[in-house]
Amino acid sequence: MGPEPAVTLARAPFGKLLFSTGARALPELHVVRVRQYQRAMTRLLGEWITQGDCSREDARRIADRVSGGTARRIYRLDERPAQTG
C-alpha cells in the first residue's frame, strides 16, 4: 500500500495490507512517501469518521494494521524468541 490509501483500502481487506513507500533510489524519497501516506491516511480515516463509516476506534485499528500491525502479526514480531540452553 502506497501513499494513496483510499484506492488500496477499497480493493483489499485491511488485515491483508502492508504499507510500502514504493520509493526507489534516494533515501529522502522514502521519508517523503511516508509523510504523504500519513497525511492521506489521516485525511481518509477522518472523512470516514465524519461520514459515520467507522468509529474512531475502528479508524485506529485500521491505521495500526496497515501501518505495521499486519507485518507484526505475519512475522510474529511481538512474540518473544524461544530461549535456548
N, C-alpha and C. Protein backbone atom coordinates (compact mmCIF):
# COMPACT_ATOMS: atom_id res chain seq x y z
N MET A 1 0.84 -1.16 0.00
CA MET A 1 0.00 0.00 0.00
C MET A 1 0.89 1.23 0.00
N GLY A 2 0.70 2.06 -0.95
CA GLY A 2 1.49 3.28 -1.07
C GLY A 2 0.78 4.48 -0.49
N PRO A 3 1.14 5.66 -0.97
CA PRO A 3 0.60 6.89 -0.39
C PRO A 3 -0.82 7.24 -0.84
N GLU A 4 -1.54 6.34 -1.50
CA GLU A 4 -2.92 6.57 -1.88
C GLU A 4 -3.82 5.53 -1.22
N PRO A 5 -4.04 5.66 0.09
CA PRO A 5 -4.78 4.62 0.81
C PRO A 5 -6.23 4.45 0.36
N ALA A 6 -6.90 5.49 -0.11
CA ALA A 6 -8.31 5.35 -0.49
C ALA A 6 -8.47 4.31 -1.59
N VAL A 7 -7.58 4.32 -2.55
CA VAL A 7 -7.66 3.37 -3.66
C VAL A 7 -7.40 1.95 -3.17
N THR A 8 -6.36 1.77 -2.40
CA THR A 8 -5.97 0.45 -1.93
C THR A 8 -6.97 -0.12 -0.93
N LEU A 9 -7.44 0.68 0.01
CA LEU A 9 -8.37 0.19 1.02
C LEU A 9 -9.71 -0.23 0.41
N ALA A 10 -10.03 0.30 -0.75
CA ALA A 10 -11.27 -0.08 -1.42
C ALA A 10 -11.16 -1.43 -2.11
N ARG A 11 -9.92 -1.93 -2.24
CA ARG A 11 -9.71 -3.16 -3.02
C ARG A 11 -9.34 -4.40 -2.20
N ALA A 12 -8.92 -4.22 -0.97
CA ALA A 12 -8.41 -5.38 -0.22
C ALA A 12 -8.81 -5.28 1.25
N PRO A 13 -8.90 -6.42 1.93
CA PRO A 13 -9.21 -6.42 3.36
C PRO A 13 -8.07 -5.74 4.14
N PHE A 14 -8.43 -4.98 5.15
CA PHE A 14 -7.44 -4.22 5.92
C PHE A 14 -6.36 -5.11 6.50
N GLY A 15 -6.73 -6.30 6.93
CA GLY A 15 -5.77 -7.21 7.55
C GLY A 15 -4.81 -7.88 6.57
N LYS A 16 -4.98 -7.61 5.29
CA LYS A 16 -4.09 -8.20 4.28
C LYS A 16 -3.13 -7.17 3.68
N LEU A 17 -3.24 -5.93 4.13
CA LEU A 17 -2.44 -4.85 3.56
C LEU A 17 -1.21 -4.53 4.40
N LEU A 18 -0.15 -4.14 3.72
CA LEU A 18 1.06 -3.66 4.38
C LEU A 18 1.46 -2.35 3.73
N PHE A 19 1.88 -1.40 4.53
CA PHE A 19 2.35 -0.14 3.98
C PHE A 19 3.70 -0.33 3.30
N SER A 20 3.85 0.31 2.18
CA SER A 20 5.12 0.35 1.46
C SER A 20 5.28 1.72 0.86
N THR A 21 6.46 2.28 0.94
CA THR A 21 6.66 3.60 0.37
C THR A 21 6.64 3.55 -1.15
N GLY A 22 7.08 2.44 -1.72
CA GLY A 22 7.18 2.37 -3.16
C GLY A 22 8.30 3.22 -3.72
N ALA A 23 9.05 3.84 -2.82
CA ALA A 23 10.14 4.73 -3.24
C ALA A 23 11.34 3.91 -3.68
N ARG A 24 12.13 4.51 -4.52
CA ARG A 24 13.35 3.86 -5.02
C ARG A 24 14.49 4.87 -4.98
N ALA A 25 15.68 4.34 -4.93
CA ALA A 25 16.92 5.14 -5.04
C ALA A 25 17.17 6.01 -3.81
N LEU A 26 16.90 7.28 -3.89
CA LEU A 26 17.27 8.22 -2.83
C LEU A 26 16.53 7.94 -1.52
N PRO A 27 17.26 7.87 -0.41
CA PRO A 27 16.61 7.63 0.89
C PRO A 27 15.59 8.70 1.24
N GLU A 28 15.83 9.91 0.78
CA GLU A 28 14.91 11.01 1.07
C GLU A 28 13.51 10.75 0.51
N LEU A 29 13.44 10.00 -0.58
CA LEU A 29 12.15 9.71 -1.17
C LEU A 29 11.29 8.85 -0.26
N HIS A 30 11.92 7.99 0.52
CA HIS A 30 11.18 7.16 1.46
C HIS A 30 10.51 8.03 2.52
N VAL A 31 11.22 9.02 3.00
CA VAL A 31 10.66 9.93 4.01
C VAL A 31 9.49 10.71 3.43
N VAL A 32 9.65 11.21 2.22
CA VAL A 32 8.59 11.96 1.57
C VAL A 32 7.35 11.09 1.39
N ARG A 33 7.54 9.87 0.95
CA ARG A 33 6.40 8.98 0.72
C ARG A 33 5.70 8.61 2.02
N VAL A 34 6.45 8.42 3.09
CA VAL A 34 5.84 8.13 4.40
C VAL A 34 4.97 9.30 4.82
N ARG A 35 5.49 10.51 4.68
CA ARG A 35 4.70 11.70 5.05
C ARG A 35 3.44 11.80 4.20
N GLN A 36 3.54 11.53 2.90
CA GLN A 36 2.37 11.57 2.03
C GLN A 36 1.33 10.54 2.49
N TYR A 37 1.80 9.36 2.81
CA TYR A 37 0.91 8.29 3.28
C TYR A 37 0.22 8.71 4.57
N GLN A 38 0.99 9.23 5.52
CA GLN A 38 0.41 9.61 6.81
C GLN A 38 -0.68 10.66 6.63
N ARG A 39 -0.41 11.67 5.81
CA ARG A 39 -1.41 12.71 5.59
C ARG A 39 -2.64 12.16 4.90
N ALA A 40 -2.44 11.32 3.87
CA ALA A 40 -3.57 10.76 3.13
C ALA A 40 -4.40 9.83 4.02
N MET A 41 -3.74 9.01 4.82
CA MET A 41 -4.45 8.07 5.69
C MET A 41 -5.22 8.84 6.76
N THR A 42 -4.61 9.85 7.35
CA THR A 42 -5.29 10.67 8.36
C THR A 42 -6.52 11.34 7.76
N ARG A 43 -6.35 11.90 6.57
CA ARG A 43 -7.47 12.58 5.90
C ARG A 43 -8.59 11.59 5.59
N LEU A 44 -8.25 10.42 5.03
CA LEU A 44 -9.25 9.42 4.66
C LEU A 44 -10.01 8.90 5.88
N LEU A 45 -9.28 8.52 6.91
CA LEU A 45 -9.95 7.99 8.11
C LEU A 45 -10.79 9.07 8.79
N GLY A 46 -10.32 10.31 8.76
CA GLY A 46 -11.11 11.43 9.30
C GLY A 46 -12.43 11.58 8.55
N GLU A 47 -12.37 11.44 7.22
CA GLU A 47 -13.60 11.50 6.41
C GLU A 47 -14.54 10.36 6.77
N TRP A 48 -13.98 9.16 6.92
CA TRP A 48 -14.82 8.01 7.28
C TRP A 48 -15.50 8.20 8.62
N ILE A 49 -14.77 8.77 9.58
CA ILE A 49 -15.35 9.02 10.90
C ILE A 49 -16.47 10.06 10.79
N THR A 50 -16.19 11.15 10.09
CA THR A 50 -17.17 12.22 9.92
C THR A 50 -18.44 11.72 9.22
N GLN A 51 -18.26 10.87 8.23
CA GLN A 51 -19.41 10.34 7.48
C GLN A 51 -20.12 9.21 8.21
N GLY A 52 -19.56 8.77 9.32
CA GLY A 52 -20.17 7.68 10.08
C GLY A 52 -19.85 6.30 9.53
N ASP A 53 -18.85 6.22 8.66
CA ASP A 53 -18.48 4.93 8.08
C ASP A 53 -17.70 4.06 9.05
N CYS A 54 -17.04 4.67 10.02
CA CYS A 54 -16.35 3.92 11.06
C CYS A 54 -16.19 4.79 12.31
N SER A 55 -15.93 4.14 13.41
CA SER A 55 -15.72 4.87 14.66
C SER A 55 -14.25 5.26 14.78
N ARG A 56 -13.93 6.09 15.76
CA ARG A 56 -12.53 6.45 15.99
C ARG A 56 -11.70 5.21 16.32
N GLU A 57 -12.27 4.30 17.11
CA GLU A 57 -11.56 3.07 17.47
C GLU A 57 -11.31 2.21 16.23
N ASP A 58 -12.31 2.11 15.36
CA ASP A 58 -12.12 1.36 14.12
C ASP A 58 -11.01 2.00 13.27
N ALA A 59 -11.02 3.32 13.19
CA ALA A 59 -10.01 4.03 12.41
C ALA A 59 -8.61 3.77 12.97
N ARG A 60 -8.47 3.78 14.29
CA ARG A 60 -7.17 3.47 14.91
C ARG A 60 -6.73 2.04 14.58
N ARG A 61 -7.67 1.13 14.64
CA ARG A 61 -7.36 -0.28 14.35
C ARG A 61 -6.92 -0.45 12.89
N ILE A 62 -7.63 0.20 11.97
CA ILE A 62 -7.28 0.12 10.55
C ILE A 62 -5.89 0.71 10.32
N ALA A 63 -5.65 1.88 10.87
CA ALA A 63 -4.34 2.53 10.70
C ALA A 63 -3.23 1.67 11.28
N ASP A 64 -3.47 1.08 12.45
CA ASP A 64 -2.45 0.25 13.07
C ASP A 64 -2.14 -0.98 12.22
N ARG A 65 -3.18 -1.63 11.73
CA ARG A 65 -2.96 -2.82 10.91
C ARG A 65 -2.16 -2.51 9.67
N VAL A 66 -2.59 -1.51 8.93
CA VAL A 66 -1.94 -1.18 7.66
C VAL A 66 -0.53 -0.63 7.89
N SER A 67 -0.35 0.11 8.95
CA SER A 67 0.94 0.76 9.20
C SER A 67 1.97 -0.15 9.84
N GLY A 68 1.62 -1.36 10.16
CA GLY A 68 2.62 -2.28 10.72
C GLY A 68 2.05 -3.45 11.47
N GLY A 69 0.81 -3.36 11.88
CA GLY A 69 0.20 -4.44 12.64
C GLY A 69 0.14 -5.75 11.88
N THR A 70 -0.16 -5.68 10.60
CA THR A 70 -0.22 -6.89 9.80
C THR A 70 1.16 -7.54 9.71
N ALA A 71 2.19 -6.72 9.51
CA ALA A 71 3.55 -7.26 9.44
C ALA A 71 3.95 -7.89 10.77
N ARG A 72 3.62 -7.21 11.88
CA ARG A 72 3.94 -7.78 13.19
C ARG A 72 3.25 -9.12 13.39
N ARG A 73 2.01 -9.22 12.93
CA ARG A 73 1.25 -10.47 13.07
C ARG A 73 1.83 -11.56 12.18
N ILE A 74 2.04 -11.26 10.92
CA ILE A 74 2.54 -12.26 9.96
C ILE A 74 3.92 -12.78 10.36
N TYR A 75 4.81 -11.86 10.72
CA TYR A 75 6.18 -12.25 11.04
C TYR A 75 6.40 -12.53 12.52
N ARG A 76 5.28 -12.51 13.29
CA ARG A 76 5.32 -12.81 14.72
C ARG A 76 6.36 -11.96 15.45
N LEU A 77 6.36 -10.68 15.15
CA LEU A 77 7.36 -9.78 15.72
C LEU A 77 7.08 -9.43 17.17
N ASP A 78 5.85 -9.62 17.63
CA ASP A 78 5.53 -9.32 19.02
C ASP A 78 5.82 -10.49 19.95
N GLU A 79 6.10 -11.65 19.38
CA GLU A 79 6.36 -12.82 20.20
C GLU A 79 7.81 -12.80 20.68
N ARG A 80 8.01 -13.33 21.86
CA ARG A 80 9.38 -13.43 22.39
C ARG A 80 10.05 -14.65 21.76
N PRO A 81 11.32 -14.50 21.41
CA PRO A 81 12.03 -15.65 20.83
C PRO A 81 12.18 -16.77 21.86
N ALA A 82 12.19 -17.99 21.36
CA ALA A 82 12.37 -19.15 22.23
C ALA A 82 13.78 -19.11 22.82
N GLN A 83 13.86 -19.40 24.11
CA GLN A 83 15.17 -19.42 24.76
C GLN A 83 15.82 -20.78 24.54
N THR A 84 17.11 -20.73 24.30
CA THR A 84 17.85 -21.98 24.11
C THR A 84 18.80 -22.20 25.28
N GLY A 85 19.08 -23.45 25.52
CA GLY A 85 20.08 -23.82 26.51
C GLY A 85 19.66 -23.70 27.86
